[in-house]
């Protein structure tokens, strides 16, 4: 190896780092299933988050849209708030009548 030829402290350190790198590579190659499993879990989490973000966006869009039906607000006395200004009363059992 390099340290046996050069016999310097730097050559020894470089040789040690080369050996450590090969050991790390061997460990990575020995456990490819673990790496694939982690990548699969990560992909599933991203897919789940994409779906949740899509649902949240749809709900927010629905909240921003104008409601199709008219909401009739009644007070405790049975008078519509819009009619209260004009002094008209309505039937509490049929709030859409005049």
N, C-alpha and C. Protein backbone atom coordinates (compact mmCIF):
# COMPACT_ATOMS: atom_id res chain seq x y z
N UNK A 1 0.83 -1.19 0.00
CA UNK A 1 0.00 0.00 0.00
C UNK A 1 0.87 1.25 0.00
N UNK A 2 0.18 2.38 -0.04
CA UNK A 2 0.88 3.66 -0.14
C UNK A 2 1.80 3.91 1.04
N UNK A 3 1.33 3.59 2.25
CA UNK A 3 2.15 3.86 3.44
C UNK A 3 3.38 2.96 3.50
N UNK A 4 3.31 1.78 2.93
CA UNK A 4 4.49 0.91 2.95
C UNK A 4 5.56 1.41 1.98
N UNK A 5 5.16 2.18 0.95
CA UNK A 5 6.13 2.70 -0.02
C UNK A 5 6.67 4.04 0.45
N UNK A 6 5.80 4.94 0.89
CA UNK A 6 6.24 6.29 1.24
C UNK A 6 6.69 6.42 2.69
N UNK A 7 6.13 5.68 3.58
CA UNK A 7 6.48 5.69 4.99
C UNK A 7 6.43 7.09 5.64
N UNK A 8 5.41 7.81 5.33
CA UNK A 8 5.22 9.13 5.95
C UNK A 8 3.89 9.13 6.71
N UNK A 9 3.75 10.01 7.71
CA UNK A 9 2.48 10.08 8.45
C UNK A 9 1.29 10.41 7.53
N UNK A 10 1.50 11.24 6.55
CA UNK A 10 0.42 11.58 5.62
C UNK A 10 0.00 10.36 4.81
N UNK A 11 0.98 9.56 4.36
CA UNK A 11 0.67 8.36 3.58
C UNK A 11 -0.11 7.37 4.43
N UNK A 12 0.25 7.28 5.71
CA UNK A 12 -0.46 6.37 6.61
C UNK A 12 -1.92 6.83 6.76
N UNK A 13 -2.15 8.13 6.95
CA UNK A 13 -3.51 8.66 7.12
C UNK A 13 -4.34 8.45 5.85
N UNK A 14 -3.73 8.68 4.69
CA UNK A 14 -4.44 8.47 3.43
C UNK A 14 -4.81 7.00 3.28
N UNK A 15 -3.88 6.11 3.64
CA UNK A 15 -4.15 4.68 3.55
C UNK A 15 -5.31 4.27 4.47
N UNK A 16 -5.34 4.82 5.66
CA UNK A 16 -6.42 4.53 6.61
C UNK A 16 -7.76 5.01 6.05
N UNK A 17 -7.81 6.20 5.48
CA UNK A 17 -9.05 6.74 4.91
C UNK A 17 -9.52 5.91 3.72
N UNK A 18 -8.57 5.43 2.92
CA UNK A 18 -8.95 4.57 1.78
C UNK A 18 -9.59 3.29 2.30
N UNK A 19 -9.01 2.69 3.32
CA UNK A 19 -9.56 1.45 3.89
C UNK A 19 -10.96 1.70 4.48
N UNK A 20 -11.14 2.81 5.18
CA UNK A 20 -12.44 3.13 5.76
C UNK A 20 -13.49 3.32 4.67
N UNK A 21 -13.10 3.95 3.57
CA UNK A 21 -14.02 4.16 2.45
C UNK A 21 -14.46 2.82 1.87
N UNK A 22 -13.53 1.90 1.68
CA UNK A 22 -13.88 0.59 1.14
C UNK A 22 -14.79 -0.19 2.10
N UNK A 23 -14.55 -0.04 3.39
CA UNK A 23 -15.42 -0.71 4.37
C UNK A 23 -16.83 -0.15 4.29
N UNK A 24 -16.96 1.18 4.17
CA UNK A 24 -18.29 1.80 4.05
C UNK A 24 -19.00 1.33 2.79
N UNK A 25 -18.27 1.27 1.68
CA UNK A 25 -18.86 0.80 0.43
C UNK A 25 -19.33 -0.65 0.56
N UNK A 26 -18.54 -1.50 1.20
CA UNK A 26 -18.91 -2.89 1.37
C UNK A 26 -20.19 -3.01 2.21
N UNK A 27 -20.29 -2.18 3.26
CA UNK A 27 -21.51 -2.20 4.10
C UNK A 27 -22.74 -1.77 3.30
N UNK A 28 -22.59 -0.74 2.49
CA UNK A 28 -23.71 -0.28 1.67
C UNK A 28 -24.15 -1.34 0.67
N UNK A 29 -23.20 -2.01 0.08
CA UNK A 29 -23.52 -3.04 -0.92
C UNK A 29 -24.09 -4.29 -0.26
N UNK A 30 -23.76 -4.52 1.00
CA UNK A 30 -24.24 -5.71 1.70
C UNK A 30 -25.69 -5.57 2.13
N UNK A 31 -26.19 -4.34 2.26
CA UNK A 31 -27.56 -4.13 2.73
C UNK A 31 -28.38 -3.31 1.73
N UNK A 32 -28.48 -3.72 0.48
CA UNK A 32 -29.28 -2.93 -0.47
C UNK A 32 -30.78 -3.00 -0.16
N UNK A 33 -31.22 -4.09 0.47
CA UNK A 33 -32.64 -4.21 0.82
C UNK A 33 -33.08 -3.14 1.79
N UNK A 34 -32.23 -2.82 2.74
CA UNK A 34 -32.56 -1.78 3.72
C UNK A 34 -32.69 -0.42 3.04
N UNK A 35 -31.78 -0.13 2.12
CA UNK A 35 -31.83 1.14 1.40
C UNK A 35 -33.09 1.22 0.54
N UNK A 36 -33.42 0.14 -0.14
CA UNK A 36 -34.63 0.10 -0.96
C UNK A 36 -35.87 0.27 -0.09
N UNK A 37 -35.88 -0.37 1.07
CA UNK A 37 -37.02 -0.26 1.98
C UNK A 37 -37.20 1.18 2.45
N UNK A 38 -36.10 1.85 2.80
CA UNK A 38 -36.19 3.24 3.24
C UNK A 38 -36.68 4.14 2.12
N UNK A 39 -36.20 3.92 0.90
CA UNK A 39 -36.65 4.72 -0.23
C UNK A 39 -38.13 4.48 -0.52
N UNK A 40 -38.58 3.25 -0.38
CA UNK A 40 -40.00 2.93 -0.59
C UNK A 40 -40.87 3.63 0.45
N UNK A 41 -40.45 3.60 1.71
CA UNK A 41 -41.21 4.28 2.77
C UNK A 41 -41.26 5.78 2.50
N UNK A 42 -40.16 6.34 2.06
CA UNK A 42 -40.12 7.77 1.77
C UNK A 42 -41.07 8.11 0.62
N UNK A 43 -41.09 7.29 -0.41
CA UNK A 43 -41.99 7.52 -1.55
C UNK A 43 -43.45 7.43 -1.11
N UNK A 44 -43.78 6.48 -0.24
CA UNK A 44 -45.15 6.34 0.25
C UNK A 44 -45.56 7.56 1.07
N UNK A 45 -44.64 8.06 1.90
CA UNK A 45 -44.95 9.24 2.71
C UNK A 45 -45.20 10.46 1.83
N UNK A 46 -44.39 10.61 0.80
CA UNK A 46 -44.58 11.74 -0.12
C UNK A 46 -45.92 11.62 -0.83
N UNK A 47 -46.27 10.43 -1.27
CA UNK A 47 -47.55 10.20 -1.95
C UNK A 47 -48.72 10.53 -1.03
N UNK A 48 -48.63 10.10 0.25
CA UNK A 48 -49.67 10.39 1.22
C UNK A 48 -49.81 11.89 1.43
N UNK A 49 -48.70 12.58 1.55
CA UNK A 49 -48.75 14.02 1.77
C UNK A 49 -49.32 14.74 0.55
N UNK A 50 -48.98 14.27 -0.65
CA UNK A 50 -49.55 14.86 -1.86
C UNK A 50 -51.07 14.75 -1.85
N UNK A 51 -51.58 13.58 -1.47
CA UNK A 51 -53.02 13.36 -1.43
C UNK A 51 -53.68 14.27 -0.38
N UNK A 52 -53.06 14.39 0.79
CA UNK A 52 -53.61 15.24 1.84
C UNK A 52 -53.62 16.71 1.42
N UNK A 53 -52.56 17.15 0.76
CA UNK A 53 -52.50 18.54 0.28
C UNK A 53 -53.58 18.77 -0.76
N UNK A 54 -53.83 17.80 -1.65
CA UNK A 54 -54.87 17.94 -2.67
C UNK A 54 -56.25 18.08 -2.02
N UNK A 55 -56.51 17.28 -0.99
CA UNK A 55 -57.80 17.34 -0.30
C UNK A 55 -57.98 18.68 0.40
N UNK A 56 -56.94 19.16 1.06
CA UNK A 56 -57.01 20.46 1.74
C UNK A 56 -57.28 21.57 0.73
N UNK A 57 -56.62 21.51 -0.42
CA UNK A 57 -56.82 22.52 -1.45
C UNK A 57 -58.26 22.51 -1.95
N UNK A 58 -58.83 21.32 -2.16
CA UNK A 58 -60.22 21.23 -2.60
C UNK A 58 -61.18 21.82 -1.58
N UNK A 59 -60.95 21.53 -0.30
CA UNK A 59 -61.83 22.06 0.75
C UNK A 59 -61.73 23.58 0.81
N UNK A 60 -60.53 24.10 0.68
CA UNK A 60 -60.36 25.56 0.69
C UNK A 60 -61.06 26.20 -0.51
N UNK A 61 -60.97 25.57 -1.67
CA UNK A 61 -61.67 26.09 -2.85
C UNK A 61 -63.18 26.11 -2.63
N UNK A 62 -63.71 25.05 -2.02
CA UNK A 62 -65.14 25.00 -1.74
C UNK A 62 -65.54 26.08 -0.75
N UNK A 63 -64.69 26.37 0.21
CA UNK A 63 -65.00 27.41 1.19
C UNK A 63 -65.00 28.80 0.55
N UNK A 64 -64.19 28.97 -0.49
CA UNK A 64 -64.12 30.27 -1.14
C UNK A 64 -65.27 30.51 -2.11
N UNK A 65 -65.91 29.44 -2.58
CA UNK A 65 -67.03 29.58 -3.51
C UNK A 65 -68.25 30.15 -2.79
N UNK A 66 -69.05 30.91 -3.54
CA UNK A 66 -70.27 31.49 -2.99
C UNK A 66 -71.31 30.38 -2.83
N UNK A 67 -72.00 30.30 -1.70
CA UNK A 67 -73.01 29.25 -1.52
C UNK A 67 -74.14 29.42 -2.54
N UNK A 68 -74.68 28.28 -3.01
CA UNK A 68 -75.73 28.30 -4.01
C UNK A 68 -77.09 28.64 -3.42
N UNK A 69 -77.34 28.28 -2.18
CA UNK A 69 -78.63 28.55 -1.57
C UNK A 69 -78.53 29.76 -0.64
N UNK A 70 -79.67 30.42 -0.47
CA UNK A 70 -79.71 31.59 0.39
C UNK A 70 -79.94 31.14 1.82
N UNK A 71 -79.17 31.67 2.72
CA UNK A 71 -79.31 31.34 4.13
C UNK A 71 -80.27 32.34 4.76
N UNK A 72 -81.32 31.84 5.40
CA UNK A 72 -82.29 32.69 6.07
C UNK A 72 -81.94 32.70 7.55
N UNK A 73 -81.65 33.88 8.06
CA UNK A 73 -81.30 34.01 9.46
C UNK A 73 -82.51 34.52 10.23
N UNK A 74 -82.89 33.77 11.26
CA UNK A 74 -84.02 34.16 12.09
C UNK A 74 -83.52 34.55 13.47
N UNK A 75 -84.15 35.53 14.03
CA UNK A 75 -83.87 35.88 15.40
C UNK A 75 -84.74 35.05 16.33
N UNK A 76 -84.60 35.23 17.61
CA UNK A 76 -85.40 34.47 18.57
C UNK A 76 -86.88 34.86 18.52
N UNK A 77 -87.18 36.03 17.99
CA UNK A 77 -88.57 36.47 17.93
C UNK A 77 -89.26 36.04 16.65
N UNK A 78 -88.58 35.26 15.78
CA UNK A 78 -89.20 34.76 14.55
C UNK A 78 -89.19 35.74 13.40
N UNK A 79 -88.50 36.83 13.52
CA UNK A 79 -88.43 37.81 12.46
C UNK A 79 -87.10 37.65 11.72
N UNK A 80 -87.20 37.57 10.38
CA UNK A 80 -85.98 37.52 9.59
C UNK A 80 -85.20 38.81 9.78
N UNK A 81 -83.90 38.68 9.79
CA UNK A 81 -83.10 39.88 9.97
C UNK A 81 -83.33 40.87 8.85
N UNK A 82 -83.54 40.38 7.62
CA UNK A 82 -83.80 41.29 6.50
C UNK A 82 -85.17 41.95 6.65
N UNK A 83 -86.14 41.22 7.23
CA UNK A 83 -87.48 41.78 7.41
C UNK A 83 -87.57 42.70 8.62
N UNK A 84 -86.68 42.50 9.57
CA UNK A 84 -86.70 43.30 10.78
C UNK A 84 -86.57 44.78 10.44
N UNK A 85 -85.77 45.08 9.42
CA UNK A 85 -85.57 46.47 9.03
C UNK A 85 -86.87 47.07 8.47
N UNK A 86 -87.71 46.20 7.88
CA UNK A 86 -88.95 46.68 7.27
C UNK A 86 -90.16 46.44 8.17
N UNK A 87 -89.98 45.82 9.31
CA UNK A 87 -91.06 45.62 10.26
C UNK A 87 -91.97 44.45 9.93
N UNK A 88 -91.56 43.53 9.02
CA UNK A 88 -92.40 42.39 8.66
C UNK A 88 -92.08 41.20 9.54
N UNK A 89 -93.10 40.35 9.78
CA UNK A 89 -92.91 39.12 10.54
C UNK A 89 -93.03 37.95 9.58
N UNK A 90 -92.42 36.81 9.96
CA UNK A 90 -92.56 35.61 9.13
C UNK A 90 -92.95 34.45 10.01
N UNK A 91 -93.43 33.39 9.39
CA UNK A 91 -93.83 32.18 10.09
C UNK A 91 -92.59 31.40 10.48
N UNK A 92 -92.34 31.15 11.78
CA UNK A 92 -91.14 30.41 12.19
C UNK A 92 -91.10 28.99 11.67
N UNK A 93 -92.28 28.42 11.34
CA UNK A 93 -92.34 27.07 10.82
C UNK A 93 -92.02 27.04 9.32
N UNK A 94 -92.15 28.19 8.65
CA UNK A 94 -91.85 28.28 7.22
C UNK A 94 -91.06 29.57 7.00
N UNK A 95 -89.75 29.55 7.23
CA UNK A 95 -88.96 30.78 7.20
C UNK A 95 -88.83 31.40 5.82
N UNK A 96 -89.19 30.68 4.76
CA UNK A 96 -89.07 31.24 3.42
C UNK A 96 -90.32 31.99 2.99
N UNK A 97 -91.39 31.91 3.79
CA UNK A 97 -92.63 32.63 3.42
C UNK A 97 -92.51 34.10 3.84
N UNK A 98 -93.35 34.94 3.22
CA UNK A 98 -93.35 36.37 3.55
C UNK A 98 -94.31 36.69 4.63
